[in-house]
PDB file of all heavy atoms in Angstrom:
ATOM      1  N   SER A   1     134.065   5.229-172.273  1.00  0.00           N
ATOM      2  CA  SER A   1     133.030   4.202-172.288  1.00  0.00           C
ATOM      3  C   SER A   1     132.888   3.654-173.709  1.00  0.00           C
ATOM      4  O   SER A   1     132.581   4.399-174.647  1.00  0.00           O
ATOM      5  CB  SER A   1     131.698   4.781-171.814  1.00  0.00           C
ATOM      6  OG  SER A   1     130.697   3.784-171.801  1.00  0.00           O
ATOM      7  N   VAL A   2     133.112   2.360-173.865  1.00  0.00           N
ATOM      8  CA  VAL A   2     133.091   1.720-175.178  1.00  0.00           C
ATOM      9  C   VAL A   2     131.943   0.714-175.230  1.00  0.00           C
ATOM     10  O   VAL A   2     131.901  -0.239-174.440  1.00  0.00           O
ATOM     11  CB  VAL A   2     134.424   1.016-175.482  1.00  0.00           C
ATOM     12  CG1 VAL A   2     134.356   0.324-176.845  1.00  0.00           C
ATOM     13  CG2 VAL A   2     135.580   2.001-175.438  1.00  0.00           C
ATOM     14  N   ALA A   3     131.018   0.931-176.144  1.00  0.00           N
ATOM     15  CA  ALA A   3     129.879   0.020-176.296  1.00  0.00           C
ATOM     16  C   ALA A   3     130.300  -1.244-177.040  1.00  0.00           C
ATOM     17  O   ALA A   3     131.119  -1.198-177.961  1.00  0.00           O
ATOM     18  CB  ALA A   3     128.754   0.723-177.045  1.00  0.00           C
ATOM     19  N   ASP A   4     129.720  -2.345-176.646  1.00  0.00           N
ATOM     20  CA  ASP A   4     129.965  -3.630-177.307  1.00  0.00           C
ATOM     21  C   ASP A   4     128.632  -4.366-177.416  1.00  0.00           C
ATOM     22  O   ASP A   4     128.388  -5.367-176.737  1.00  0.00           O
ATOM     23  CB  ASP A   4     130.982  -4.445-176.517  1.00  0.00           C
ATOM     24  CG  ASP A   4     131.459  -5.683-177.262  1.00  0.00           C
ATOM     25  OD1 ASP A   4     131.022  -5.898-178.410  1.00  0.00           O
ATOM     26  OD2 ASP A   4     132.261  -6.442-176.687  1.00  0.00           O
ATOM     27  N   PRO A   5     127.733  -3.883-178.278  1.00  0.00           N
ATOM     28  CA  PRO A   5     126.362  -4.404-178.306  1.00  0.00           C
ATOM     29  C   PRO A   5     126.233  -5.837-178.811  1.00  0.00           C
ATOM     30  O   PRO A   5     125.178  -6.452-178.633  1.00  0.00           O
ATOM     31  CB  PRO A   5     125.642  -3.427-179.243  1.00  0.00           C
ATOM     32  CG  PRO A   5     126.728  -2.876-180.118  1.00  0.00           C
ATOM     33  CD  PRO A   5     127.938  -2.797-179.245  1.00  0.00           C
ATOM     34  N   TYR A   6     127.296  -6.360-179.433  1.00  0.00           N
ATOM     35  CA  TYR A   6     127.213  -7.716-179.975  1.00  0.00           C
ATOM     36  C   TYR A   6     128.119  -8.683-179.205  1.00  0.00           C
ATOM     37  O   TYR A   6     128.560  -9.690-179.755  1.00  0.00           O
ATOM     38  CB  TYR A   6     127.564  -7.705-181.461  1.00  0.00           C
ATOM     39  CG  TYR A   6     126.666  -6.780-182.259  1.00  0.00           C
ATOM     40  CD1 TYR A   6     127.165  -5.586-182.772  1.00  0.00           C
ATOM     41  CD2 TYR A   6     125.329  -7.087-182.456  1.00  0.00           C
ATOM     42  CE1 TYR A   6     126.335  -4.715-183.485  1.00  0.00           C
ATOM     43  CE2 TYR A   6     124.500  -6.232-183.159  1.00  0.00           C
ATOM     44  CZ  TYR A   6     125.006  -5.047-183.670  1.00  0.00           C
ATOM     45  OH  TYR A   6     124.177  -4.200-184.372  1.00  0.00           O
ATOM     46  N   ARG A   7     128.368  -8.377-177.947  1.00  0.00           N
ATOM     47  CA  ARG A   7     129.260  -9.205-177.126  1.00  0.00           C
ATOM     48  C   ARG A   7     128.824 -10.673-177.121  1.00  0.00           C
ATOM     49  O   ARG A   7     129.659 -11.583-177.096  1.00  0.00           O
ATOM     50  CB  ARG A   7     129.291  -8.643-175.702  1.00  0.00           C
ATOM     51  CG  ARG A   7     130.092  -9.454-174.676  1.00  0.00           C
ATOM     52  CD  ARG A   7     131.588  -9.348-174.865  1.00  0.00           C
ATOM     53  NE  ARG A   7     132.053  -7.992-174.716  1.00  0.00           N
ATOM     54  CZ  ARG A   7     132.351  -7.396-173.564  1.00  0.00           C
ATOM     55  NH1 ARG A   7     132.196  -8.046-172.429  1.00  0.00           N
ATOM     56  NH2 ARG A   7     132.793  -6.147-173.546  1.00  0.00           N
ATOM     57  N   TRP A   8     127.532 -10.928-177.146  1.00  0.00           N
ATOM     58  CA  TRP A   8     127.035 -12.307-177.060  1.00  0.00           C
ATOM     59  C   TRP A   8     127.492 -13.166-178.238  1.00  0.00           C
ATOM     60  O   TRP A   8     127.555 -14.406-178.108  1.00  0.00           O
ATOM     61  CB  TRP A   8     125.512 -12.317-176.961  1.00  0.00           C
ATOM     62  CG  TRP A   8     124.787 -11.800-178.177  1.00  0.00           C
ATOM     63  CD1 TRP A   8     124.551 -10.507-178.512  1.00  0.00           C
ATOM     64  CD2 TRP A   8     124.204 -12.585-179.219  1.00  0.00           C
ATOM     65  NE1 TRP A   8     123.856 -10.416-179.695  1.00  0.00           N
ATOM     66  CE2 TRP A   8     123.620 -11.686-180.152  1.00  0.00           C
ATOM     67  CE3 TRP A   8     124.097 -13.962-179.453  1.00  0.00           C
ATOM     68  CZ2 TRP A   8     122.966 -12.117-181.305  1.00  0.00           C
ATOM     69  CZ3 TRP A   8     123.438 -14.397-180.601  1.00  0.00           C
ATOM     70  CH2 TRP A   8     122.882 -13.475-181.507  1.00  0.00           C
ATOM     71  N   LEU A   9     127.860 -12.525-179.337  1.00  0.00           N
ATOM     72  CA  LEU A   9     128.319 -13.290-180.498  1.00  0.00           C
ATOM     73  C   LEU A   9     129.729 -13.854-180.324  1.00  0.00           C
ATOM     74  O   LEU A   9     130.217 -14.594-181.180  1.00  0.00           O
ATOM     75  CB  LEU A   9     128.263 -12.421-181.757  1.00  0.00           C
ATOM     76  CG  LEU A   9     126.867 -12.145-182.315  1.00  0.00           C
ATOM     77  CD1 LEU A   9     126.932 -11.123-183.442  1.00  0.00           C
ATOM     78  CD2 LEU A   9     126.200 -13.435-182.797  1.00  0.00           C
ATOM     79  N   GLU A  10     130.377 -13.513-179.222  1.00  0.00           N
ATOM     80  CA  GLU A  10     131.683 -14.097-178.931  1.00  0.00           C
ATOM     81  C   GLU A  10     131.568 -15.550-178.481  1.00  0.00           C
ATOM     82  O   GLU A  10     132.549 -16.296-178.527  1.00  0.00           O
ATOM     83  CB  GLU A  10     132.391 -13.300-177.837  1.00  0.00           C
ATOM     84  CG  GLU A  10     132.803 -11.902-178.239  1.00  0.00           C
ATOM     85  CD  GLU A  10     133.425 -11.130-177.102  1.00  0.00           C
ATOM     86  OE1 GLU A  10     133.369 -11.609-175.944  1.00  0.00           O
ATOM     87  OE2 GLU A  10     133.967 -10.045-177.359  1.00  0.00           O
ATOM     88  N   ASP A  11     130.382 -15.980-178.056  1.00  0.00           N
ATOM     89  CA  ASP A  11     130.213 -17.335-177.524  1.00  0.00           C
ATOM     90  C   ASP A  11     130.457 -18.384-178.602  1.00  0.00           C
ATOM     91  O   ASP A  11     130.207 -18.157-179.796  1.00  0.00           O
ATOM     92  CB  ASP A  11     128.810 -17.519-176.950  1.00  0.00           C
ATOM     93  CG  ASP A  11     128.623 -16.782-175.637  1.00  0.00           C
ATOM     94  OD1 ASP A  11     129.616 -16.228-175.120  1.00  0.00           O
ATOM     95  OD2 ASP A  11     127.485 -16.742-175.136  1.00  0.00           O
ATOM     96  N   ASP A  12     130.909 -19.549-178.166  1.00  0.00           N
ATOM     97  CA  ASP A  12     131.171 -20.669-179.064  1.00  0.00           C
ATOM     98  C   ASP A  12     129.860 -21.148-179.682  1.00  0.00           C
ATOM     99  O   ASP A  12     128.875 -21.395-178.978  1.00  0.00           O
ATOM    100  CB  ASP A  12     131.833 -21.798-178.279  1.00  0.00           C
ATOM    101  CG  ASP A  12     132.366 -22.918-179.162  1.00  0.00           C
ATOM    102  OD1 ASP A  12     131.909 -23.053-180.312  1.00  0.00           O
ATOM    103  OD2 ASP A  12     133.243 -23.667-178.704  1.00  0.00           O
ATOM    104  N   VAL A  13     129.854 -21.308-180.995  1.00  0.00           N
ATOM    105  CA  VAL A  13     128.650 -21.734-181.708  1.00  0.00           C
ATOM    106  C   VAL A  13     128.190 -23.109-181.257  1.00  0.00           C
ATOM    107  O   VAL A  13     127.010 -23.457-181.357  1.00  0.00           O
ATOM    108  CB  VAL A  13     128.916 -21.714-183.226  1.00  0.00           C
ATOM    109  CG1 VAL A  13     129.926 -22.773-183.629  1.00  0.00           C
ATOM    110  CG2 VAL A  13     127.635 -21.878-184.015  1.00  0.00           C
ATOM    111  N   ARG A  14     129.112 -23.930-180.725  1.00  0.00           N
ATOM    112  CA  ARG A  14     128.750 -25.276-180.255  1.00  0.00           C
ATOM    113  C   ARG A  14     128.101 -25.251-178.874  1.00  0.00           C
ATOM    114  O   ARG A  14     127.542 -26.251-178.432  1.00  0.00           O
ATOM    115  CB  ARG A  14     130.003 -26.166-180.211  1.00  0.00           C
ATOM    116  CG  ARG A  14     130.484 -26.677-181.553  1.00  0.00           C
ATOM    117  CD  ARG A  14     131.925 -27.102-181.474  1.00  0.00           C
ATOM    118  NE  ARG A  14     132.768 -25.934-181.303  1.00  0.00           N
ATOM    119  CZ  ARG A  14     133.324 -25.266-182.320  1.00  0.00           C
ATOM    120  NH1 ARG A  14     133.133 -25.681-183.550  1.00  0.00           N
ATOM    121  NH2 ARG A  14     134.065 -24.209-182.103  1.00  0.00           N
ATOM    122  N   VAL A  15     128.214 -24.114-178.199  1.00  0.00           N
ATOM    123  CA  VAL A  15     127.726 -24.007-176.826  1.00  0.00           C
ATOM    124  C   VAL A  15     126.473 -23.144-176.738  1.00  0.00           C
ATOM    125  O   VAL A  15     125.541 -23.457-175.991  1.00  0.00           O
ATOM    126  CB  VAL A  15     128.837 -23.440-175.915  1.00  0.00           C
ATOM    127  CG1 VAL A  15     128.320 -23.217-174.500  1.00  0.00           C
ATOM    128  CG2 VAL A  15     130.045 -24.372-175.905  1.00  0.00           C
ATOM    129  N   ASN A  16     126.413 -22.065-177.495  1.00  0.00           N
ATOM    130  CA  ASN A  16     125.308 -21.112-177.429  1.00  0.00           C
ATOM    131  C   ASN A  16     124.380 -21.331-178.623  1.00  0.00           C
ATOM    132  O   ASN A  16     124.747 -21.061-179.774  1.00  0.00           O
ATOM    133  CB  ASN A  16     125.851 -19.683-177.427  1.00  0.00           C
ATOM    134  CG  ASN A  16     124.775 -18.646-177.156  1.00  0.00           C
ATOM    135  OD1 ASN A  16     123.656 -18.742-177.646  1.00  0.00           O
ATOM    136  ND2 ASN A  16     125.129 -17.627-176.381  1.00  0.00           N
ATOM    137  N   GLU A  17     123.179 -21.799-178.367  1.00  0.00           N
ATOM    138  CA  GLU A  17     122.234 -22.098-179.452  1.00  0.00           C
ATOM    139  C   GLU A  17     121.813 -20.838-180.194  1.00  0.00           C
ATOM    140  O   GLU A  17     121.522 -20.890-181.403  1.00  0.00           O
ATOM    141  CB  GLU A  17     121.004 -22.812-178.888  1.00  0.00           C
ATOM    142  CG  GLU A  17     121.296 -24.215-178.379  1.00  0.00           C
ATOM    143  CD  GLU A  17     120.033 -24.923-177.924  1.00  0.00           C
ATOM    144  OE1 GLU A  17     118.938 -24.325-178.047  1.00  0.00           O
ATOM    145  OE2 GLU A  17     120.135 -26.075-177.446  1.00  0.00           O
ATOM    146  N   ASP A  18     121.748 -19.706-179.499  1.00  0.00           N
ATOM    147  CA  ASP A  18     121.379 -18.461-180.170  1.00  0.00           C
ATOM    148  C   ASP A  18     122.430 -18.071-181.207  1.00  0.00           C
ATOM    149  O   ASP A  18     122.094 -17.580-182.296  1.00  0.00           O
ATOM    150  CB  ASP A  18     121.212 -17.336-179.144  1.00  0.00           C
ATOM    151  CG  ASP A  18     119.998 -17.536-178.246  1.00  0.00           C
ATOM    152  OD1 ASP A  18     119.058 -18.236-178.667  1.00  0.00           O
ATOM    153  OD2 ASP A  18     120.001 -16.996-177.131  1.00  0.00           O
ATOM    154  N   VAL A  19     123.696 -18.277-180.883  1.00  0.00           N
ATOM    155  CA  VAL A  19     124.763 -17.994-181.848  1.00  0.00           C
ATOM    156  C   VAL A  19     124.656 -18.949-183.032  1.00  0.00           C
ATOM    157  O   VAL A  19     124.807 -18.545-184.192  1.00  0.00           O
ATOM    158  CB  VAL A  19     126.147 -18.094-181.182  1.00  0.00           C
ATOM    159  CG1 VAL A  19     127.258 -17.893-182.214  1.00  0.00           C
ATOM    160  CG2 VAL A  19     126.286 -17.072-180.065  1.00  0.00           C
ATOM    161  N   ALA A  20     124.373 -20.215-182.757  1.00  0.00           N
ATOM    162  CA  ALA A  20     124.232 -21.197-183.837  1.00  0.00           C
ATOM    163  C   ALA A  20     123.081 -20.820-184.768  1.00  0.00           C
ATOM    164  O   ALA A  20     123.202 -20.936-186.006  1.00  0.00           O
ATOM    165  CB  ALA A  20     124.008 -22.587-183.249  1.00  0.00           C
ATOM    166  N   THR A  21     121.976 -20.365-184.207  1.00  0.00           N
ATOM    167  CA  THR A  21     120.835 -19.941-185.024  1.00  0.00           C
ATOM    168  C   THR A  21     121.200 -18.734-185.870  1.00  0.00           C
ATOM    169  O   THR A  21     120.839 -18.650-187.051  1.00  0.00           O
ATOM    170  CB  THR A  21     119.635 -19.606-184.118  1.00  0.00           C
ATOM    171  OG1 THR A  21     119.268 -20.769-183.380  1.00  0.00           O
ATOM    172  CG2 THR A  21     118.450 -19.127-184.932  1.00  0.00           C
ATOM    173  N   TRP A  22     121.917 -17.786-185.279  1.00  0.00           N
ATOM    174  CA  TRP A  22     122.368 -16.598-186.009  1.00  0.00           C
ATOM    175  C   TRP A  22     123.285 -16.991-187.161  1.00  0.00           C
ATOM    176  O   TRP A  22     123.173 -16.459-188.275  1.00  0.00           O
ATOM    177  CB  TRP A  22     123.085 -15.656-185.038  1.00  0.00           C
ATOM    178  CG  TRP A  22     123.585 -14.375-185.643  1.00  0.00           C
ATOM    179  CD1 TRP A  22     122.908 -13.202-185.755  1.00  0.00           C
ATOM    180  CD2 TRP A  22     124.882 -14.149-186.197  1.00  0.00           C
ATOM    181  NE1 TRP A  22     123.699 -12.245-186.359  1.00  0.00           N
ATOM    182  CE2 TRP A  22     124.922 -12.807-186.635  1.00  0.00           C
ATOM    183  CE3 TRP A  22     126.009 -14.942-186.373  1.00  0.00           C
ATOM    184  CZ2 TRP A  22     126.044 -12.241-187.232  1.00  0.00           C
ATOM    185  CZ3 TRP A  22     127.138 -14.389-186.977  1.00  0.00           C
ATOM    186  CH2 TRP A  22     127.150 -13.057-187.396  1.00  0.00           C
ATOM    187  N   VAL A  23     124.207 -17.919-186.919  1.00  0.00           N
ATOM    188  CA  VAL A  23     125.121 -18.390-187.965  1.00  0.00           C
ATOM    189  C   VAL A  23     124.337 -19.000-189.122  1.00  0.00           C
ATOM    190  O   VAL A  23     124.600 -18.717-190.301  1.00  0.00           O
ATOM    191  CB  VAL A  23     126.134 -19.403-187.385  1.00  0.00           C
ATOM    192  CG1 VAL A  23     126.843 -20.160-188.508  1.00  0.00           C
ATOM    193  CG2 VAL A  23     127.150 -18.695-186.493  1.00  0.00           C
ATOM    194  N   ASP A  24     123.368 -19.833-188.812  1.00  0.00           N
ATOM    195  CA  ASP A  24     122.562 -20.460-189.866  1.00  0.00           C
ATOM    196  C   ASP A  24     121.819 -19.406-190.686  1.00  0.00           C
ATOM    197  O   ASP A  24     121.741 -19.511-191.928  1.00  0.00           O
ATOM    198  CB  ASP A  24     121.557 -21.430-189.250  1.00  0.00           C
ATOM    199  CG  ASP A  24     122.205 -22.680-188.680  1.00  0.00           C
ATOM    200  OD1 ASP A  24     123.365 -22.960-189.059  1.00  0.00           O
ATOM    201  OD2 ASP A  24     121.564 -23.362-187.864  1.00  0.00           O
ATOM    202  N   ALA A  25     121.296 -18.388-190.019  1.00  0.00           N
ATOM    203  CA  ALA A  25     120.552 -17.342-190.722  1.00  0.00           C
ATOM    204  C   ALA A  25     121.474 -16.531-191.628  1.00  0.00           C
ATOM    205  O   ALA A  25     121.113 -16.199-192.763  1.00  0.00           O
ATOM    206  CB  ALA A  25     119.849 -16.430-189.714  1.00  0.00           C
ATOM    207  N   GLN A  26     122.668 -16.207-191.141  1.00  0.00           N
ATOM    208  CA  GLN A  26     123.617 -15.455-191.960  1.00  0.00           C
ATOM    209  C   GLN A  26     124.058 -16.274-193.169  1.00  0.00           C
ATOM    210  O   GLN A  26     124.119 -15.767-194.300  1.00  0.00           O
ATOM    211  CB  GLN A  26     124.835 -15.052-191.123  1.00  0.00           C
ATOM    212  CG  GLN A  26     124.567 -13.985-190.076  1.00  0.00           C
ATOM    213  CD  GLN A  26     124.410 -12.590-190.677  1.00  0.00           C
ATOM    214  OE1 GLN A  26     124.720 -12.352-191.844  1.00  0.00           O
ATOM    215  NE2 GLN A  26     123.908 -11.668-189.879  1.00  0.00           N
ATOM    216  N   ASN A  27     124.365 -17.532-192.951  1.00  0.00           N
ATOM    217  CA  ASN A  27     124.789 -18.382-194.066  1.00  0.00           C
ATOM    218  C   ASN A  27     123.687 -18.542-195.104  1.00  0.00           C
ATOM    219  O   ASN A  27     123.964 -18.623-196.313  1.00  0.00           O
ATOM    220  CB  ASN A  27     125.216 -19.755-193.554  1.00  0.00           C
ATOM    221  CG  ASN A  27     126.693 -19.807-193.189  1.00  0.00           C
ATOM    222  OD1 ASN A  27     127.482 -18.972-193.619  1.00  0.00           O
ATOM    223  ND2 ASN A  27     127.070 -20.794-192.393  1.00  0.00           N
ATOM    224  N   ALA A  28     122.454 -18.588-194.670  1.00  0.00           N
ATOM    225  CA  ALA A  28     121.342 -18.733-195.618  1.00  0.00           C
ATOM    226  C   ALA A  28     121.265 -17.530-196.547  1.00  0.00           C
ATOM    227  O   ALA A  28     121.082 -17.684-197.770  1.00  0.00           O
ATOM    228  CB  ALA A  28     120.025 -18.904-194.850  1.00  0.00           C
ATOM    229  N   VAL A  29     121.395 -16.327-195.995  1.00  0.00           N
ATOM    230  CA  VAL A  29     121.363 -15.112-196.821  1.00  0.00           C
ATOM    231  C   VAL A  29     122.553 -15.087-197.770  1.00  0.00           C
ATOM    232  O   VAL A  29     122.422 -14.787-198.968  1.00  0.00           O
ATOM    233  CB  VAL A  29     121.350 -13.855-195.926  1.00  0.00           C
ATOM    234  CG1 VAL A  29     121.519 -12.591-196.770  1.00  0.00           C
ATOM    235  CG2 VAL A  29     120.060 -13.786-195.124  1.00  0.00           C
ATOM    236  N   THR A  30     123.733 -15.413-197.229  1.00  0.00           N
ATOM    237  CA  THR A  30     124.939 -15.391-198.056  1.00  0.00           C
ATOM    238  C   THR A  30     124.875 -16.428-199.165  1.00  0.00           C
ATOM    239  O   THR A  30     125.202 -16.141-200.330  1.00  0.00           O
ATOM    240  CB  THR A  30     126.176 -15.633-197.173  1.00  0.00           C
ATOM    241  OG1 THR A  30     126.266 -14.588-196.198  1.00  0.00           O
ATOM    242  CG2 THR A  30     127.449 -15.646-198.004  1.00  0.00           C
ATOM    243  N   ASP A  31     124.469 -17.640-198.832  1.00  0.00           N
ATOM    244  CA  ASP A  31     124.395 -18.702-199.836  1.00  0.00           C
ATOM    245  C   ASP A  31     123.424 -18.338-200.955  1.00  0.00           C
ATOM    246  O   ASP A  31     123.700 -18.605-202.142  1.00  0.00           O
ATOM    247  CB  ASP A  31     123.972 -20.021-199.188  1.00  0.00           C
ATOM    248  CG  ASP A  31     125.043 -20.603-198.277  1.00  0.00           C
ATOM    249  OD1 ASP A  31     126.194 -20.136-198.356  1.00  0.00           O
ATOM    250  OD2 ASP A  31     124.716 -21.508-197.491  1.00  0.00           O
ATOM    251  N   GLU A  32     122.301 -17.742-200.592  1.00  0.00           N
ATOM    252  CA  GLU A  32     121.332 -17.353-201.612  1.00  0.00           C
ATOM    253  C   GLU A  32     121.925 -16.307-202.546  1.00  0.00           C
ATOM    254  O   GLU A  32     121.776 -16.394-203.775  1.00  0.00           O
ATOM    255  CB  GLU A  32     120.064 -16.812-200.959  1.00  0.00           C
ATOM    256  CG  GLU A  32     118.990 -16.397-201.977  1.00  0.00           C
ATOM    257  CD  GLU A  32     117.734 -15.863-201.317  1.00  0.00           C
ATOM    258  OE1 GLU A  32     117.683 -15.787-200.076  1.00  0.00           O
ATOM    259  OE2 GLU A  32     116.791 -15.518-202.069  1.00  0.00           O
ATOM    260  N   TYR A  33     122.629 -15.335-201.981  1.00  0.00           N
ATOM    261  CA  TYR A  33     123.230 -14.286-202.810  1.00  0.00           C
ATOM    262  C   TYR A  33     124.329 -14.862-203.714  1.00  0.00           C
ATOM    263  O   TYR A  33     124.358 -14.594-204.921  1.00  0.00           O
ATOM    264  CB  TYR A  33     123.810 -13.179-201.929  1.00  0.00           C
ATOM    265  CG  TYR A  33     124.477 -12.085-202.732  1.00  0.00           C
ATOM    266  CD1 TYR A  33     123.733 -11.044-203.265  1.00  0.00           C
ATOM    267  CD2 TYR A  33     125.841 -12.118-202.979  1.00  0.00           C
ATOM    268  CE1 TYR A  33     124.329 -10.047-204.025  1.00  0.00           C
ATOM    269  CE2 TYR A  33     126.452 -11.136-203.743  1.00  0.00           C
ATOM    270  CZ  TYR A  33     125.690 -10.100-204.254  1.00  0.00           C
ATOM    271  OH  TYR A  33     126.292  -9.120-205.017  1.00  0.00           O
ATOM    272  N   LEU A  34     125.230 -15.643-203.115  1.00  0.00           N
ATOM    273  CA  LEU A  34     126.331 -16.197-203.913  1.00  0.00           C
ATOM    274  C   LEU A  34     125.808 -17.100-205.024  1.00  0.00           C
ATOM    275  O   LEU A  34     126.417 -17.191-206.100  1.00  0.00           O
ATOM    276  CB  LEU A  34     127.293 -16.961-203.006  1.00  0.00           C
ATOM    277  CG  LEU A  34     128.046 -16.124-201.966  1.00  0.00           C
ATOM    278  CD1 LEU A  34     128.868 -17.024-201.047  1.00  0.00           C
ATOM    279  CD2 LEU A  34     128.945 -15.093-202.638  1.00  0.00           C
ATOM    280  N   GLY A  35     124.687 -17.753-204.769  1.00  0.00           N
ATOM    281  CA  GLY A  35     124.105 -18.614-205.787  1.00  0.00           C
ATOM    282  C   GLY A  35     123.592 -17.868-206.995  1.00  0.00           C
ATOM    283  O   GLY A  35     123.373 -18.466-208.056  1.00  0.00           O
ATOM    284  N   THR A  36     123.384 -16.551-206.859  1.00  0.00           N
ATOM    285  CA  THR A  36     122.911 -15.760-207.997  1.00  0.00           C
ATOM    286  C   THR A  36     124.053 -15.190-208.822  1.00  0.00           C
ATOM    287  O   THR A  36     123.809 -14.637-209.908  1.00  0.00           O
ATOM    288  CB  THR A  36     122.050 -14.583-207.498  1.00  0.00           C
ATOM    289  OG1 THR A  36     122.872 -13.664-206.765  1.00  0.00           O
ATOM    290  CG2 THR A  36     120.908 -15.061-206.626  1.00  0.00           C
ATOM    291  N   LEU A  37     125.287 -15.304-208.357  1.00  0.00           N
ATOM    292  CA  LEU A  37     126.419 -14.740-209.109  1.00  0.00           C
ATOM    293  C   LEU A  37     126.576 -15.492-210.426  1.00  0.00           C
ATOM    294  O   LEU A  37     126.710 -16.718-210.438  1.00  0.00           O
ATOM    295  CB  LEU A  37     127.698 -14.836-208.285  1.00  0.00           C
ATOM    296  CG  LEU A  37     127.719 -14.015-206.987  1.00  0.00           C
ATOM    297  CD1 LEU A  37     129.010 -14.278-206.213  1.00  0.00           C
ATOM    298  CD2 LEU A  37     127.583 -12.520-207.287  1.00  0.00           C
ATOM    299  N   PRO A  38     126.613 -14.784-211.524  1.00  0.00           N
ATOM    300  CA  PRO A  38     126.565 -15.453-212.832  1.00  0.00           C
ATOM    301  C   PRO A  38     127.783 -16.301-213.150  1.00  0.00           C
ATOM    302  O   PRO A  38     127.688 -17.242-213.932  1.00  0.00           O
ATOM    303  CB  PRO A  38     126.431 -14.282-213.808  1.00  0.00           C
ATOM    304  CG  PRO A  38     126.970 -13.095-213.073  1.00  0.00           C
ATOM    305  CD  PRO A  38     126.619 -13.310-211.644  1.00  0.00           C
TER     306      PRO A  38
END
């Protein structure tokens, strides 16, 4: 038995609004961090 708790993230970002929202949230955290690199 193999768990796949993030299966919903396989959906196309153009089709699944929840995936699109998740992508925006991840990019926001990443962009903020990268912006602090000296």
